[in-house]
Amino acid sequence: MIPWNRVHFFWGDERAVPFTDDRNNAKMACDTLLYKVGVPEDNIHVMRTDIEPEAAAKEYELVLQQFFKRNEKALTWCCSAWATTVIPYRCSLAQKWCTRKKHG
């Protein structure tokens, strides 16, 4: 059984489509899975679409930095999962941090 209360979700490919729009990637994931399995809302980290994309990207970068700074173990898991998971996904920011962490 997956401990959904311990899993966090991030998006790196949002197209500035409002969350209320069915084409929004985060909304699709929330509606089809995350809300149904009981993932806490605090564990769903959605990029804002109500501001300019550049501003949203800068804000989301801070969200990621703050989360991974507070959760060092999550960063390690994300890096190892990025390389070994059965379900392919991207965690490019974490991958860059892992590379930096491993190589100084």
N, C-alpha and C. Protein backbone atom coordinates (compact mmCIF):
# COMPACT_ATOMS: atom_id res chain seq x y z
N MET A 1 0.84 -1.19 0.00
CA MET A 1 0.00 0.00 0.00
C MET A 1 0.89 1.25 0.00
N ILE A 2 0.52 2.21 -0.78
CA ILE A 2 1.29 3.45 -0.88
C ILE A 2 0.87 4.40 0.24
N PRO A 3 1.85 4.92 1.01
CA PRO A 3 1.53 5.88 2.07
C PRO A 3 1.34 7.28 1.48
N TRP A 4 0.17 7.53 0.90
CA TRP A 4 -0.08 8.76 0.17
C TRP A 4 0.19 10.01 0.99
N ASN A 5 0.03 9.93 2.30
CA ASN A 5 0.27 11.11 3.14
C ASN A 5 1.76 11.47 3.21
N ARG A 6 2.62 10.60 2.69
CA ARG A 6 4.06 10.88 2.71
C ARG A 6 4.62 11.17 1.32
N VAL A 7 3.74 11.20 0.31
CA VAL A 7 4.19 11.43 -1.06
C VAL A 7 3.82 12.86 -1.47
N HIS A 8 4.78 13.56 -2.07
CA HIS A 8 4.55 14.92 -2.55
C HIS A 8 4.61 14.93 -4.07
N PHE A 9 3.79 15.77 -4.67
CA PHE A 9 3.70 15.84 -6.13
C PHE A 9 4.04 17.24 -6.61
N PHE A 10 4.88 17.31 -7.64
CA PHE A 10 5.31 18.57 -8.23
C PHE A 10 5.13 18.48 -9.74
N TRP A 11 4.94 19.63 -10.37
CA TRP A 11 4.82 19.68 -11.83
C TRP A 11 5.91 20.57 -12.39
N GLY A 12 6.48 20.14 -13.51
CA GLY A 12 7.52 20.94 -14.13
C GLY A 12 7.19 21.30 -15.56
N ASP A 13 5.99 21.02 -16.00
CA ASP A 13 5.64 21.26 -17.40
C ASP A 13 4.32 22.01 -17.57
N GLU A 14 3.93 22.77 -16.58
CA GLU A 14 2.63 23.45 -16.69
C GLU A 14 2.69 24.49 -17.79
N ARG A 15 1.61 24.59 -18.55
CA ARG A 15 1.55 25.45 -19.73
C ARG A 15 0.76 26.73 -19.47
N ALA A 16 0.68 27.13 -18.24
CA ALA A 16 -0.06 28.34 -17.87
C ALA A 16 -1.55 28.22 -18.20
N VAL A 17 -2.05 27.00 -18.19
CA VAL A 17 -3.48 26.75 -18.37
C VAL A 17 -4.11 26.82 -16.98
N PRO A 18 -5.14 27.62 -16.79
CA PRO A 18 -5.75 27.75 -15.46
C PRO A 18 -6.11 26.39 -14.84
N PHE A 19 -5.99 26.29 -13.54
CA PHE A 19 -6.27 25.04 -12.84
C PHE A 19 -7.71 24.59 -13.05
N THR A 20 -8.59 25.50 -13.31
CA THR A 20 -10.00 25.16 -13.52
C THR A 20 -10.25 24.56 -14.91
N ASP A 21 -9.28 24.66 -15.79
CA ASP A 21 -9.38 24.15 -17.16
C ASP A 21 -9.03 22.66 -17.18
N ASP A 22 -9.82 21.86 -17.86
CA ASP A 22 -9.57 20.41 -17.92
C ASP A 22 -8.26 20.04 -18.59
N ARG A 23 -7.64 20.96 -19.31
CA ARG A 23 -6.35 20.69 -19.96
C ARG A 23 -5.16 20.89 -19.03
N ASN A 24 -5.40 21.41 -17.83
CA ASN A 24 -4.33 21.64 -16.86
C ASN A 24 -3.82 20.29 -16.35
N ASN A 25 -2.51 20.06 -16.47
CA ASN A 25 -1.93 18.78 -16.08
C ASN A 25 -2.17 18.44 -14.60
N ALA A 26 -1.98 19.42 -13.74
CA ALA A 26 -2.17 19.18 -12.31
C ALA A 26 -3.63 18.84 -12.01
N LYS A 27 -4.55 19.56 -12.64
CA LYS A 27 -5.98 19.28 -12.42
C LYS A 27 -6.32 17.86 -12.86
N MET A 28 -5.79 17.46 -14.02
CA MET A 28 -6.06 16.10 -14.50
C MET A 28 -5.56 15.07 -13.49
N ALA A 29 -4.36 15.27 -12.97
CA ALA A 29 -3.81 14.32 -12.00
C ALA A 29 -4.61 14.32 -10.71
N CYS A 30 -5.00 15.51 -10.26
CA CYS A 30 -5.79 15.61 -9.03
C CYS A 30 -7.15 14.94 -9.19
N ASP A 31 -7.83 15.24 -10.29
CA ASP A 31 -9.17 14.71 -10.50
C ASP A 31 -9.19 13.20 -10.73
N THR A 32 -8.19 12.68 -11.43
CA THR A 32 -8.20 11.25 -11.77
C THR A 32 -7.54 10.36 -10.73
N LEU A 33 -6.66 10.92 -9.90
CA LEU A 33 -5.97 10.07 -8.94
C LEU A 33 -5.80 10.70 -7.56
N LEU A 34 -5.11 11.82 -7.49
CA LEU A 34 -4.66 12.34 -6.19
C LEU A 34 -5.79 12.59 -5.20
N TYR A 35 -6.88 13.22 -5.63
CA TYR A 35 -7.99 13.46 -4.72
C TYR A 35 -8.68 12.14 -4.35
N LYS A 36 -8.71 11.20 -5.26
CA LYS A 36 -9.40 9.93 -5.02
C LYS A 36 -8.68 9.03 -4.03
N VAL A 37 -7.35 9.12 -3.97
CA VAL A 37 -6.60 8.25 -3.06
C VAL A 37 -6.27 8.96 -1.74
N GLY A 38 -6.72 10.19 -1.61
CA GLY A 38 -6.56 10.89 -0.34
C GLY A 38 -5.22 11.56 -0.11
N VAL A 39 -4.56 12.00 -1.17
CA VAL A 39 -3.32 12.75 -1.00
C VAL A 39 -3.67 14.07 -0.33
N PRO A 40 -3.00 14.41 0.78
CA PRO A 40 -3.29 15.70 1.44
C PRO A 40 -3.00 16.87 0.49
N GLU A 41 -3.83 17.89 0.53
CA GLU A 41 -3.64 19.04 -0.35
C GLU A 41 -2.28 19.70 -0.14
N ASP A 42 -1.75 19.65 1.08
CA ASP A 42 -0.43 20.23 1.35
C ASP A 42 0.69 19.47 0.63
N ASN A 43 0.40 18.29 0.14
CA ASN A 43 1.40 17.48 -0.56
C ASN A 43 1.32 17.65 -2.08
N ILE A 44 0.39 18.46 -2.53
CA ILE A 44 0.22 18.70 -3.96
C ILE A 44 0.70 20.12 -4.24
N HIS A 45 1.82 20.22 -4.92
CA HIS A 45 2.49 21.50 -5.15
C HIS A 45 2.27 21.92 -6.60
N VAL A 46 1.26 22.76 -6.80
CA VAL A 46 0.84 23.16 -8.13
C VAL A 46 1.42 24.54 -8.46
N MET A 47 1.89 24.67 -9.68
CA MET A 47 2.38 25.96 -10.15
C MET A 47 1.19 26.90 -10.39
N ARG A 48 1.33 28.14 -9.95
CA ARG A 48 0.25 29.11 -10.12
C ARG A 48 0.06 29.44 -11.60
N THR A 49 -1.18 29.63 -11.98
CA THR A 49 -1.49 30.00 -13.36
C THR A 49 -2.24 31.33 -13.42
N ASP A 50 -2.40 31.98 -12.27
CA ASP A 50 -3.13 33.24 -12.22
C ASP A 50 -2.22 34.45 -12.32
N ILE A 51 -0.92 34.22 -12.55
CA ILE A 51 0.05 35.30 -12.72
C ILE A 51 0.86 35.00 -13.98
N GLU A 52 1.68 35.94 -14.40
CA GLU A 52 2.50 35.75 -15.60
C GLU A 52 3.37 34.51 -15.46
N PRO A 53 3.57 33.75 -16.54
CA PRO A 53 4.36 32.52 -16.47
C PRO A 53 5.77 32.70 -15.88
N GLU A 54 6.43 33.79 -16.23
CA GLU A 54 7.77 34.03 -15.70
C GLU A 54 7.75 34.20 -14.18
N ALA A 55 6.77 34.94 -13.70
CA ALA A 55 6.62 35.14 -12.25
C ALA A 55 6.25 33.82 -11.57
N ALA A 56 5.38 33.05 -12.21
CA ALA A 56 4.98 31.75 -11.65
C ALA A 56 6.18 30.81 -11.57
N ALA A 57 7.03 30.82 -12.59
CA ALA A 57 8.21 29.95 -12.59
C ALA A 57 9.17 30.34 -11.47
N LYS A 58 9.38 31.62 -11.29
CA LYS A 58 10.27 32.08 -10.20
C LYS A 58 9.70 31.70 -8.84
N GLU A 59 8.41 31.88 -8.68
CA GLU A 59 7.76 31.54 -7.42
C GLU A 59 7.84 30.03 -7.16
N TYR A 60 7.62 29.25 -8.20
CA TYR A 60 7.65 27.79 -8.06
C TYR A 60 9.06 27.30 -7.76
N GLU A 61 10.05 27.96 -8.31
CA GLU A 61 11.44 27.61 -8.00
C GLU A 61 11.68 27.76 -6.50
N LEU A 62 11.15 28.81 -5.91
CA LEU A 62 11.28 29.01 -4.46
C LEU A 62 10.54 27.92 -3.68
N VAL A 63 9.37 27.53 -4.16
CA VAL A 63 8.61 26.45 -3.52
C VAL A 63 9.47 25.18 -3.49
N LEU A 64 10.07 24.85 -4.63
CA LEU A 64 10.91 23.65 -4.71
C LEU A 64 12.13 23.76 -3.81
N GLN A 65 12.79 24.90 -3.83
CA GLN A 65 13.98 25.08 -3.00
C GLN A 65 13.63 24.95 -1.52
N GLN A 66 12.55 25.58 -1.11
CA GLN A 66 12.14 25.51 0.30
C GLN A 66 11.77 24.09 0.70
N PHE A 67 11.03 23.40 -0.15
CA PHE A 67 10.63 22.04 0.18
C PHE A 67 11.85 21.13 0.33
N PHE A 68 12.73 21.15 -0.66
CA PHE A 68 13.87 20.23 -0.63
C PHE A 68 14.91 20.64 0.41
N LYS A 69 14.95 21.90 0.77
CA LYS A 69 15.86 22.32 1.84
C LYS A 69 15.36 21.77 3.18
N ARG A 70 14.03 21.79 3.38
CA ARG A 70 13.44 21.28 4.62
C ARG A 70 13.43 19.76 4.66
N ASN A 71 13.43 19.13 3.51
CA ASN A 71 13.27 17.69 3.42
C ASN A 71 14.44 17.06 2.68
N GLU A 72 15.60 17.11 3.28
CA GLU A 72 16.82 16.61 2.64
C GLU A 72 16.68 15.16 2.20
N LYS A 73 15.99 14.34 3.00
CA LYS A 73 15.79 12.94 2.63
C LYS A 73 14.92 12.82 1.37
N ALA A 74 13.96 13.71 1.22
CA ALA A 74 13.11 13.68 0.03
C ALA A 74 13.94 13.93 -1.21
N LEU A 75 14.92 14.83 -1.10
CA LEU A 75 15.78 15.12 -2.24
C LEU A 75 16.58 13.88 -2.62
N THR A 76 17.11 13.19 -1.64
CA THR A 76 17.87 11.98 -1.91
C THR A 76 16.99 10.94 -2.56
N TRP A 77 15.76 10.75 -2.04
CA TRP A 77 14.84 9.77 -2.63
C TRP A 77 14.48 10.16 -4.05
N CYS A 78 14.20 11.43 -4.26
CA CYS A 78 13.81 11.89 -5.58
C CYS A 78 14.93 11.63 -6.58
N CYS A 79 16.16 11.88 -6.16
CA CYS A 79 17.30 11.66 -7.06
C CYS A 79 17.45 10.19 -7.39
N SER A 80 17.38 9.33 -6.39
CA SER A 80 17.54 7.91 -6.67
C SER A 80 16.34 7.37 -7.43
N ALA A 81 15.14 7.85 -7.10
CA ALA A 81 13.94 7.40 -7.81
C ALA A 81 13.99 7.86 -9.27
N TRP A 82 14.55 9.02 -9.50
CA TRP A 82 14.63 9.54 -10.86
C TRP A 82 15.42 8.58 -11.74
N ALA A 83 16.41 7.95 -11.16
CA ALA A 83 17.26 7.05 -11.94
C ALA A 83 16.72 5.63 -12.01
N THR A 84 15.90 5.22 -11.02
CA THR A 84 15.56 3.80 -10.94
C THR A 84 14.08 3.47 -11.00
N THR A 85 13.21 4.45 -10.95
CA THR A 85 11.79 4.15 -10.85
C THR A 85 11.25 3.42 -12.09
N VAL A 86 10.24 2.61 -11.87
CA VAL A 86 9.59 1.90 -12.96
C VAL A 86 8.74 2.86 -13.78
N ILE A 87 8.17 3.86 -13.11
CA ILE A 87 7.36 4.85 -13.80
C ILE A 87 8.25 6.05 -14.10
N PRO A 88 8.60 6.26 -15.37
CA PRO A 88 9.52 7.36 -15.68
C PRO A 88 8.89 8.72 -15.40
N TYR A 89 9.64 9.60 -14.81
CA TYR A 89 9.22 10.97 -14.60
C TYR A 89 10.46 11.83 -14.50
N ARG A 90 10.28 13.11 -14.56
CA ARG A 90 11.42 14.01 -14.50
C ARG A 90 11.42 14.77 -13.18
N CYS A 91 12.59 14.92 -12.67
CA CYS A 91 12.80 15.70 -11.47
C CYS A 91 14.10 16.47 -11.72
N SER A 92 14.11 17.28 -12.77
CA SER A 92 15.35 17.87 -13.27
C SER A 92 16.02 18.78 -12.25
N LEU A 93 15.24 19.56 -11.51
CA LEU A 93 15.86 20.43 -10.52
C LEU A 93 16.55 19.60 -9.46
N ALA A 94 15.86 18.57 -8.98
CA ALA A 94 16.47 17.70 -7.98
C ALA A 94 17.68 16.98 -8.57
N GLN A 95 17.60 16.61 -9.83
CA GLN A 95 18.73 15.94 -10.47
C GLN A 95 19.94 16.87 -10.48
N LYS A 96 19.73 18.13 -10.81
CA LYS A 96 20.83 19.10 -10.80
C LYS A 96 21.41 19.23 -9.39
N TRP A 97 20.52 19.28 -8.38
CA TRP A 97 21.00 19.39 -7.01
C TRP A 97 21.77 18.15 -6.60
N CYS A 98 21.31 16.99 -7.02
CA CYS A 98 22.02 15.74 -6.69
C CYS A 98 23.40 15.77 -7.32
N THR A 99 23.47 16.18 -8.56
CA THR A 99 24.76 16.23 -9.24
C THR A 99 25.68 17.19 -8.51
N ARG A 100 25.15 18.33 -8.13
CA ARG A 100 25.95 19.31 -7.39
C ARG A 100 26.40 18.73 -6.04
N LYS A 101 25.48 18.04 -5.39
CA LYS A 101 25.77 17.48 -4.07
C LYS A 101 26.83 16.38 -4.17
N LYS A 102 26.74 15.54 -5.19
CA LYS A 102 27.70 14.45 -5.36
C LYS A 102 29.06 14.95 -5.81
N HIS A 103 29.07 15.98 -6.65
CA HIS A 103 30.31 16.40 -7.27
C HIS A 103 30.85 17.71 -6.72
N GLY A 104 30.29 18.13 -5.59
CA GLY A 104 30.83 19.30 -4.92
C GLY A 104 30.13 20.54 -5.24
